[in-house]
Amino acid sequence: MKRFNDINLRYFINYKRINSIFLGISVGTIFILYKPLEPSIYSIGGIFLALSMLLIAKFYSKILNRYYFYRLSMMIEFIMLFLIVYFLIFSYSYTTALLIYIGYQTTFAFGSYLIRAETLLLNHPKVLTFLDVAKQVGYLIGMLVSYLFYKGLELSMQIYDFDTQVYFLHFLLLLAEIITITYLFLAFKKNN
């Protein structure tokens, strides 16, 4: 596939597909990871998220371009990489749960921006179709992978403890995140 708006579409679509696989794999983990948090944290997090999204929207006139889209996308991916590595090292605790929640809320704050910037940068119906299909297929694959992973741990290793299952799943998330970052880098690299 060609470059579009100085973005290598083949790599960018693969980036979005793997990113969606990551999302599909991780979707069920939050129920286990967030167990130690009290409900009031979610209210504070929701307020933070809404205020952050408002603040980011105020800067759209400056940041809705390729330069910031790449840098903010990469920042978000490195936040996710940090959270995975942190969890694998420090495992379950109140601090880990709170840090992961704050990290996820921070990445969610850029959600609207990323969708708008992506649409502006790749403003072609055929490209957007490929992109959305790749995202949905990736998400479905991720959900299937996580289901099979959990069932595989149960059937082959008799691991029924949810905390242990989610911990082991993070090694898969680590791999997916490294691949995601690689494809994002390649999509924006000048000489592909």
Foldseek 3Di string as FASTA:
>chain_A
DPFALLFRLVLVLVLLLLVLLLCLQCVPVLVVLQVVDDPVLVVVLVVVLVVLLVVVVVCCVPQLEPVNLLVLVLVLLVLVLVLLVCCLVVPHDNVNSSSVSNSVSVSSSCVVVNVNSVCVRQVDVVSVVSNVVSSVVSSVNSNVVNVCQQVCCCVVVVDPDPSVSSSVSSVVSNVSSVSSSVSSCNRNDNPD
